[in-house]
């Protein structure tokens, strides 16, 4: 189950970067964002361990200045992602070693939303001449995300 459905993803991409997506691209896009969320959670788990805790706090999440700014811009777009959908997704992956604190859990919808906004903006930078996405642009975006997050 994806963390966000097609209709919400479509609206988010239009508002964030004036990009139109096709239903066939939705899974590809959400798979990338979900993988990056898992990467962030693994890093947060390491941070919690280094701090001698067996619970992941919000402060353990490796949120960069750019990602924090994107979270703020996401709030202005007024597109919310349901915490229940993110938790449902997390239930499908290999469990983390440590539990997430309530504050960390509550931050997850904004983080996944920000990751999607970052992807939309990267896609716009890669191909500013076209409102419609193609698989090549999505693949390039994945490579950029893998290099930076």
N, C-alpha and C. Protein backbone atom coordinates (compact mmCIF):
# COMPACT_ATOMS: atom_id res chain seq x y z
N UNK A 1 0.84 -1.19 0.00
CA UNK A 1 0.00 0.00 0.00
C UNK A 1 0.89 1.25 0.00
N UNK A 2 0.61 2.15 -0.90
CA UNK A 2 1.40 3.39 -1.03
C UNK A 2 1.02 4.37 0.08
N UNK A 3 1.99 5.22 0.43
CA UNK A 3 1.75 6.21 1.48
C UNK A 3 0.81 7.31 1.03
N UNK A 4 0.62 7.44 -0.26
CA UNK A 4 -0.27 8.47 -0.79
C UNK A 4 -0.90 7.94 -2.07
N UNK A 5 -2.19 8.21 -2.23
CA UNK A 5 -2.90 7.76 -3.42
C UNK A 5 -2.64 8.67 -4.61
N UNK A 6 -3.09 8.21 -5.77
CA UNK A 6 -2.84 8.95 -7.01
C UNK A 6 -3.42 10.36 -6.98
N UNK A 7 -4.64 10.52 -6.53
CA UNK A 7 -5.29 11.83 -6.55
C UNK A 7 -4.51 12.85 -5.72
N UNK A 8 -4.10 12.45 -4.53
CA UNK A 8 -3.33 13.35 -3.66
C UNK A 8 -1.96 13.63 -4.26
N UNK A 9 -1.32 12.59 -4.81
CA UNK A 9 0.00 12.75 -5.44
C UNK A 9 -0.09 13.70 -6.63
N UNK A 10 -1.12 13.54 -7.42
CA UNK A 10 -1.33 14.39 -8.59
C UNK A 10 -1.49 15.86 -8.16
N UNK A 11 -2.30 16.09 -7.14
CA UNK A 11 -2.52 17.46 -6.65
C UNK A 11 -1.23 18.04 -6.08
N UNK A 12 -0.49 17.25 -5.35
CA UNK A 12 0.76 17.71 -4.76
C UNK A 12 1.77 18.11 -5.83
N UNK A 13 1.91 17.29 -6.87
CA UNK A 13 2.86 17.60 -7.94
C UNK A 13 2.44 18.83 -8.74
N UNK A 14 1.14 19.00 -8.93
CA UNK A 14 0.67 20.20 -9.64
C UNK A 14 0.95 21.46 -8.83
N UNK A 15 0.65 21.40 -7.53
CA UNK A 15 0.85 22.58 -6.68
C UNK A 15 2.33 22.88 -6.46
N UNK A 16 3.13 21.85 -6.28
CA UNK A 16 4.54 22.03 -5.94
C UNK A 16 5.40 22.43 -7.13
N UNK A 17 5.07 21.90 -8.33
CA UNK A 17 5.98 22.12 -9.46
C UNK A 17 5.28 22.23 -10.81
N UNK A 18 3.96 22.36 -10.81
CA UNK A 18 3.19 22.43 -12.06
C UNK A 18 3.49 21.26 -12.99
N UNK A 19 3.55 20.06 -12.40
CA UNK A 19 3.82 18.85 -13.17
C UNK A 19 2.58 17.97 -13.16
N UNK A 20 2.26 17.44 -14.34
CA UNK A 20 1.17 16.48 -14.47
C UNK A 20 1.76 15.07 -14.45
N UNK A 21 1.16 14.21 -13.66
CA UNK A 21 1.62 12.82 -13.64
C UNK A 21 0.51 11.92 -14.15
N UNK A 22 0.93 10.79 -14.67
CA UNK A 22 -0.02 9.77 -15.12
C UNK A 22 -0.13 8.71 -14.04
N UNK A 23 -1.26 8.02 -14.04
CA UNK A 23 -1.47 6.99 -13.03
C UNK A 23 -0.35 5.95 -13.04
N UNK A 24 0.17 5.66 -14.22
CA UNK A 24 1.25 4.68 -14.35
C UNK A 24 2.55 5.11 -13.70
N UNK A 25 2.71 6.39 -13.44
CA UNK A 25 3.93 6.90 -12.81
C UNK A 25 3.82 6.93 -11.28
N UNK A 26 2.63 6.87 -10.76
CA UNK A 26 2.41 7.05 -9.33
C UNK A 26 3.18 6.05 -8.48
N UNK A 27 3.11 4.77 -8.84
CA UNK A 27 3.80 3.76 -8.04
C UNK A 27 5.31 3.96 -8.09
N UNK A 28 5.83 4.28 -9.26
CA UNK A 28 7.27 4.54 -9.41
C UNK A 28 7.71 5.68 -8.48
N UNK A 29 6.93 6.74 -8.47
CA UNK A 29 7.24 7.92 -7.66
C UNK A 29 7.14 7.60 -6.17
N UNK A 30 6.04 6.98 -5.76
CA UNK A 30 5.87 6.68 -4.33
C UNK A 30 6.89 5.66 -3.85
N UNK A 31 7.28 4.72 -4.71
CA UNK A 31 8.31 3.74 -4.31
C UNK A 31 9.61 4.44 -3.95
N UNK A 32 9.99 5.45 -4.74
CA UNK A 32 11.22 6.19 -4.47
C UNK A 32 11.11 6.94 -3.14
N UNK A 33 10.01 7.65 -2.94
CA UNK A 33 9.82 8.42 -1.70
C UNK A 33 9.78 7.49 -0.48
N UNK A 34 9.12 6.37 -0.61
CA UNK A 34 9.05 5.42 0.50
C UNK A 34 10.44 4.86 0.83
N UNK A 35 11.23 4.56 -0.20
CA UNK A 35 12.59 4.06 0.03
C UNK A 35 13.44 5.10 0.74
N UNK A 36 13.28 6.36 0.38
CA UNK A 36 14.04 7.44 1.05
C UNK A 36 13.58 7.60 2.49
N UNK A 37 12.29 7.45 2.74
CA UNK A 37 11.79 7.51 4.12
C UNK A 37 12.43 6.40 4.95
N UNK A 38 12.49 5.21 4.40
CA UNK A 38 13.12 4.10 5.11
C UNK A 38 14.59 4.41 5.38
N UNK A 39 15.28 4.97 4.38
CA UNK A 39 16.69 5.35 4.58
C UNK A 39 16.83 6.34 5.74
N UNK A 40 15.93 7.32 5.80
CA UNK A 40 15.98 8.30 6.89
C UNK A 40 15.71 7.63 8.24
N UNK A 41 14.81 6.68 8.27
CA UNK A 41 14.49 5.98 9.52
C UNK A 41 15.66 5.12 9.98
N UNK A 42 16.36 4.50 9.04
CA UNK A 42 17.54 3.70 9.39
C UNK A 42 18.62 4.61 9.98
N UNK A 43 18.81 5.78 9.38
CA UNK A 43 19.77 6.74 9.92
C UNK A 43 19.32 7.22 11.30
N UNK A 44 18.03 7.43 11.49
CA UNK A 44 17.50 7.86 12.79
C UNK A 44 17.71 6.78 13.84
N UNK A 45 17.55 5.55 13.43
CA UNK A 45 17.77 4.44 14.35
C UNK A 45 19.23 4.42 14.82
N UNK A 46 20.13 4.65 13.90
CA UNK A 46 21.57 4.73 14.24
C UNK A 46 21.81 5.89 15.21
N UNK A 47 21.20 7.04 14.94
CA UNK A 47 21.36 8.19 15.82
C UNK A 47 20.85 7.90 17.23
N UNK A 48 19.71 7.24 17.32
CA UNK A 48 19.16 6.89 18.64
C UNK A 48 20.13 5.96 19.37
N UNK A 49 20.66 4.99 18.66
CA UNK A 49 21.62 4.06 19.25
C UNK A 49 22.87 4.79 19.74
N UNK A 50 23.39 5.70 18.93
CA UNK A 50 24.58 6.46 19.32
C UNK A 50 24.31 7.32 20.56
N UNK A 51 23.06 7.71 20.74
CA UNK A 51 22.68 8.52 21.91
C UNK A 51 22.24 7.65 23.09
N UNK A 52 22.43 6.34 22.96
CA UNK A 52 22.14 5.43 24.07
C UNK A 52 20.67 5.19 24.33
N UNK A 53 19.85 5.36 23.31
CA UNK A 53 18.41 5.16 23.48
C UNK A 53 17.92 4.00 22.62
N UNK A 54 16.82 3.40 23.03
CA UNK A 54 16.20 2.35 22.22
C UNK A 54 14.85 2.81 21.67
N UNK A 55 14.67 4.11 21.62
CA UNK A 55 13.49 4.75 21.03
C UNK A 55 13.99 5.86 20.11
N UNK A 56 13.40 5.96 18.94
CA UNK A 56 13.78 7.00 17.99
C UNK A 56 12.99 8.26 18.30
N UNK A 57 13.70 9.33 18.61
CA UNK A 57 13.07 10.63 18.85
C UNK A 57 13.03 11.41 17.54
N UNK A 58 12.19 12.41 17.51
CA UNK A 58 12.12 13.29 16.34
C UNK A 58 13.49 13.87 16.01
N UNK A 59 14.25 14.23 17.03
CA UNK A 59 15.57 14.82 16.81
C UNK A 59 16.57 13.85 16.21
N UNK A 60 16.27 12.56 16.22
CA UNK A 60 17.15 11.56 15.60
C UNK A 60 16.98 11.53 14.08
N UNK A 61 15.86 12.02 13.60
CA UNK A 61 15.61 12.01 12.16
C UNK A 61 16.56 13.01 11.48
N UNK A 62 17.31 12.57 10.48
CA UNK A 62 18.30 13.44 9.83
C UNK A 62 17.65 14.41 8.84
N UNK A 63 17.03 15.43 9.37
CA UNK A 63 16.33 16.42 8.55
C UNK A 63 17.30 17.56 8.24
N UNK A 64 17.65 17.70 6.97
CA UNK A 64 18.56 18.77 6.55
C UNK A 64 17.81 20.09 6.51
N UNK A 65 18.57 21.16 6.38
CA UNK A 65 17.97 22.49 6.28
C UNK A 65 17.03 22.56 5.06
N UNK A 66 17.48 22.01 3.95
CA UNK A 66 16.65 22.02 2.74
C UNK A 66 15.37 21.23 2.91
N UNK A 67 15.45 20.07 3.55
CA UNK A 67 14.25 19.28 3.77
C UNK A 67 13.31 19.98 4.75
N UNK A 68 13.88 20.64 5.77
CA UNK A 68 13.05 21.40 6.71
C UNK A 68 12.33 22.54 6.00
N UNK A 69 13.03 23.24 5.12
CA UNK A 69 12.39 24.31 4.35
C UNK A 69 11.30 23.77 3.45
N UNK A 70 11.51 22.59 2.91
CA UNK A 70 10.49 21.97 2.07
C UNK A 70 9.27 21.57 2.89
N UNK A 71 9.49 21.12 4.12
CA UNK A 71 8.37 20.81 5.02
C UNK A 71 7.53 22.07 5.25
N UNK A 72 8.20 23.18 5.46
CA UNK A 72 7.49 24.45 5.67
C UNK A 72 6.70 24.83 4.41
N UNK A 73 7.30 24.67 3.24
CA UNK A 73 6.58 25.00 2.00
C UNK A 73 5.43 24.02 1.75
N UNK A 74 5.59 22.77 2.19
CA UNK A 74 4.51 21.78 2.07
C UNK A 74 3.28 22.23 2.86
N UNK A 75 3.51 22.75 4.05
CA UNK A 75 2.40 23.23 4.88
C UNK A 75 1.60 24.31 4.15
N UNK A 76 2.29 25.17 3.42
CA UNK A 76 1.63 26.25 2.68
C UNK A 76 0.81 25.71 1.51
N UNK A 77 1.17 24.53 0.99
CA UNK A 77 0.41 23.92 -0.11
C UNK A 77 -0.91 23.33 0.38
N UNK A 78 -1.03 23.15 1.69
CA UNK A 78 -2.24 22.61 2.32
C UNK A 78 -2.61 21.24 1.75
N UNK A 79 -1.61 20.40 1.56
CA UNK A 79 -1.81 19.02 1.12
C UNK A 79 -1.27 18.11 2.22
N UNK A 80 -2.15 17.50 2.96
CA UNK A 80 -1.74 16.66 4.08
C UNK A 80 -1.76 15.19 3.71
N UNK A 81 -0.85 14.47 4.29
CA UNK A 81 -0.79 13.01 4.13
C UNK A 81 -1.18 12.42 5.48
N UNK A 82 -2.01 11.42 5.45
CA UNK A 82 -2.53 10.82 6.68
C UNK A 82 -1.46 9.98 7.38
N UNK A 83 -1.32 10.18 8.67
CA UNK A 83 -0.39 9.40 9.48
C UNK A 83 -0.72 7.91 9.36
N UNK A 84 -1.98 7.58 9.36
CA UNK A 84 -2.39 6.17 9.27
C UNK A 84 -1.85 5.52 8.00
N UNK A 85 -1.83 6.26 6.89
CA UNK A 85 -1.30 5.70 5.63
C UNK A 85 0.19 5.45 5.73
N UNK A 86 0.92 6.34 6.39
CA UNK A 86 2.36 6.16 6.56
C UNK A 86 2.63 4.97 7.48
N UNK A 87 1.88 4.87 8.56
CA UNK A 87 2.05 3.75 9.49
C UNK A 87 1.68 2.43 8.84
N UNK A 88 0.65 2.44 7.98
CA UNK A 88 0.28 1.22 7.23
C UNK A 88 1.43 0.79 6.32
N UNK A 89 2.08 1.77 5.67
CA UNK A 89 3.23 1.45 4.83
C UNK A 89 4.35 0.86 5.68
N UNK A 90 4.66 1.49 6.81
CA UNK A 90 5.75 1.01 7.67
C UNK A 90 5.50 -0.41 8.17
N UNK A 91 4.24 -0.78 8.31
CA UNK A 91 3.90 -2.14 8.75
C UNK A 91 4.27 -3.18 7.69
N UNK A 92 4.50 -2.74 6.45
CA UNK A 92 4.81 -3.68 5.36
C UNK A 92 6.31 -3.88 5.16
N UNK A 93 7.13 -3.10 5.85
CA UNK A 93 8.58 -3.21 5.66
C UNK A 93 9.19 -4.01 6.82
N UNK A 94 10.46 -4.35 6.66
CA UNK A 94 11.18 -5.01 7.74
C UNK A 94 11.16 -4.08 8.95
N UNK A 95 10.74 -4.58 10.09
CA UNK A 95 10.61 -3.71 11.27
C UNK A 95 11.95 -3.07 11.66
N UNK A 96 11.85 -1.86 12.16
CA UNK A 96 13.01 -1.18 12.70
C UNK A 96 13.39 -1.86 14.02
N UNK A 97 14.63 -1.72 14.40
CA UNK A 97 15.09 -2.28 15.67
C UNK A 97 14.48 -1.54 16.85
N UNK A 98 14.30 -0.22 16.67
CA UNK A 98 13.77 0.62 17.74
C UNK A 98 12.40 1.17 17.35
N UNK A 99 11.60 1.43 18.38
CA UNK A 99 10.29 2.04 18.16
C UNK A 99 10.45 3.53 17.91
N UNK A 100 9.45 4.09 17.24
CA UNK A 100 9.40 5.54 17.04
C UNK A 100 8.62 6.18 18.17
N UNK A 101 9.14 7.27 18.70
CA UNK A 101 8.38 8.02 19.70
C UNK A 101 7.15 8.61 19.00
N UNK A 102 6.21 9.05 19.81
CA UNK A 102 4.99 9.66 19.24
C UNK A 102 5.34 10.89 18.41
N UNK A 103 6.27 11.72 18.90
CA UNK A 103 6.68 12.92 18.14
C UNK A 103 7.29 12.54 16.80
N UNK A 104 8.14 11.52 16.80
CA UNK A 104 8.76 11.07 15.55
C UNK A 104 7.70 10.54 14.59
N UNK A 105 6.76 9.75 15.10
CA UNK A 105 5.68 9.23 14.26
C UNK A 105 4.87 10.37 13.64
N UNK A 106 4.55 11.36 14.46
CA UNK A 106 3.73 12.47 13.98
C UNK A 106 4.43 13.30 12.91
N UNK A 107 5.74 13.24 12.85
CA UNK A 107 6.52 13.99 11.86
C UNK A 107 6.56 13.28 10.50
N UNK A 108 6.28 11.98 10.47
CA UNK A 108 6.42 11.18 9.26
C UNK A 108 5.58 11.67 8.07
N UNK A 109 4.31 12.06 8.26
CA UNK A 109 3.56 12.54 7.09
C UNK A 109 4.20 13.77 6.44
N UNK A 110 4.72 14.67 7.26
CA UNK A 110 5.39 15.85 6.70
C UNK A 110 6.68 15.47 5.98
N UNK A 111 7.38 14.50 6.51
CA UNK A 111 8.63 14.08 5.89
C UNK A 111 8.36 13.43 4.54
N UNK A 112 7.41 12.51 4.48
CA UNK A 112 7.12 11.86 3.20
C UNK A 112 6.57 12.89 2.21
N UNK A 113 5.75 13.81 2.69
CA UNK A 113 5.24 14.87 1.82
C UNK A 113 6.36 15.73 1.28
N UNK A 114 7.31 16.09 2.15
CA UNK A 114 8.45 16.90 1.73
C UNK A 114 9.31 16.14 0.72
N UNK A 115 9.50 14.84 0.93
CA UNK A 115 10.27 14.04 -0.02
C UNK A 115 9.60 14.06 -1.40
N UNK A 116 8.28 13.99 -1.42
CA UNK A 116 7.56 14.04 -2.69
C UNK A 116 7.68 15.42 -3.35
N UNK A 117 7.62 16.48 -2.54
CA UNK A 117 7.79 17.83 -3.08
C UNK A 117 9.21 18.00 -3.64
N UNK A 118 10.20 17.50 -2.91
CA UNK A 118 11.58 17.57 -3.41
C UNK A 118 11.68 16.85 -4.75
N UNK A 119 11.07 15.68 -4.84
CA UNK A 119 11.09 14.94 -6.11
C UNK A 119 10.46 15.75 -7.23
N UNK A 120 9.31 16.36 -6.96
CA UNK A 120 8.62 17.16 -7.97
C UNK A 120 9.51 18.31 -8.44
N UNK A 121 10.17 18.96 -7.50
CA UNK A 121 11.03 20.09 -7.87
C UNK A 121 12.28 19.64 -8.63
N UNK A 122 12.82 18.49 -8.27
CA UNK A 122 13.96 17.95 -9.03
C UNK A 122 13.52 17.62 -10.45
N UNK A 123 12.37 17.01 -10.57
CA UNK A 123 11.85 16.67 -11.91
C UNK A 123 11.66 17.91 -12.76
N UNK A 124 11.17 18.97 -12.14
CA UNK A 124 10.99 20.24 -12.85
C UNK A 124 12.34 20.80 -13.30
N UNK A 125 13.36 20.68 -12.48
CA UNK A 125 14.70 21.15 -12.84
C UNK A 125 15.30 20.31 -13.97
N UNK A 126 15.05 19.02 -13.93
CA UNK A 126 15.58 18.13 -14.96
C UNK A 126 14.95 18.41 -16.32
N UNK A 127 13.63 18.63 -16.33
CA UNK A 127 12.93 18.85 -17.60
C UNK A 127 11.90 19.96 -17.42
N UNK A 128 12.38 21.19 -17.51
CA UNK A 128 11.54 22.37 -17.30
C UNK A 128 10.64 22.67 -18.50
N UNK A 129 10.88 22.02 -19.62
CA UNK A 129 10.14 22.33 -20.85
C UNK A 129 8.84 21.55 -21.00
N UNK A 130 8.58 20.62 -20.11
CA UNK A 130 7.43 19.75 -20.29
C UNK A 130 6.70 19.59 -18.96
N UNK A 131 5.38 19.73 -18.99
CA UNK A 131 4.59 19.53 -17.77
C UNK A 131 4.37 18.06 -17.48
N UNK A 132 4.49 17.22 -18.51
CA UNK A 132 4.23 15.79 -18.35
C UNK A 132 5.53 15.05 -18.03
N UNK A 133 5.43 14.07 -17.17
CA UNK A 133 6.59 13.28 -16.77
C UNK A 133 6.80 12.11 -17.70
N UNK A 134 8.04 11.65 -17.76
CA UNK A 134 8.33 10.40 -18.44
C UNK A 134 9.20 9.55 -17.51
N UNK A 135 9.38 8.29 -17.88
CA UNK A 135 10.13 7.37 -17.02
C UNK A 135 11.59 7.78 -16.89
N UNK A 136 12.16 8.38 -17.92
CA UNK A 136 13.56 8.80 -17.87
C UNK A 136 13.76 9.89 -16.81
N UNK A 137 12.84 10.84 -16.76
CA UNK A 137 12.93 11.91 -15.75
C UNK A 137 12.80 11.33 -14.34
N UNK A 138 11.91 10.37 -14.17
CA UNK A 138 11.74 9.73 -12.87
C UNK A 138 13.01 8.99 -12.49
N UNK A 139 13.62 8.29 -13.43
CA UNK A 139 14.86 7.55 -13.16
C UNK A 139 16.00 8.50 -12.78
N UNK A 140 16.10 9.63 -13.46
CA UNK A 140 17.13 10.63 -13.12
C UNK A 140 16.88 11.19 -11.72
N UNK A 141 15.63 11.43 -11.41
CA UNK A 141 15.28 11.95 -10.09
C UNK A 141 15.67 10.95 -9.00
N UNK A 142 15.42 9.68 -9.26
CA UNK A 142 15.80 8.64 -8.29
C UNK A 142 17.31 8.67 -8.06
N UNK A 143 18.08 8.81 -9.13
CA UNK A 143 19.54 8.85 -8.97
C UNK A 143 19.97 10.05 -8.14
N UNK A 144 19.34 11.21 -8.36
CA UNK A 144 19.66 12.40 -7.56
C UNK A 144 19.29 12.17 -6.10
N UNK A 145 18.12 11.61 -5.87
CA UNK A 145 17.69 11.34 -4.48
C UNK A 145 18.64 10.36 -3.80
N UNK A 146 19.08 9.33 -4.53
CA UNK A 146 20.01 8.36 -3.95
C UNK A 146 21.36 8.99 -3.62
N UNK A 147 21.78 9.96 -4.42
CA UNK A 147 23.05 10.63 -4.16
C UNK A 147 22.98 11.61 -2.99
N UNK A 148 21.82 12.16 -2.75
CA UNK A 148 21.72 13.24 -1.78
C UNK A 148 21.06 12.86 -0.46
N UNK A 149 20.27 11.82 -0.45
CA UNK A 149 19.58 11.44 0.80
C UNK A 149 19.92 10.01 1.20
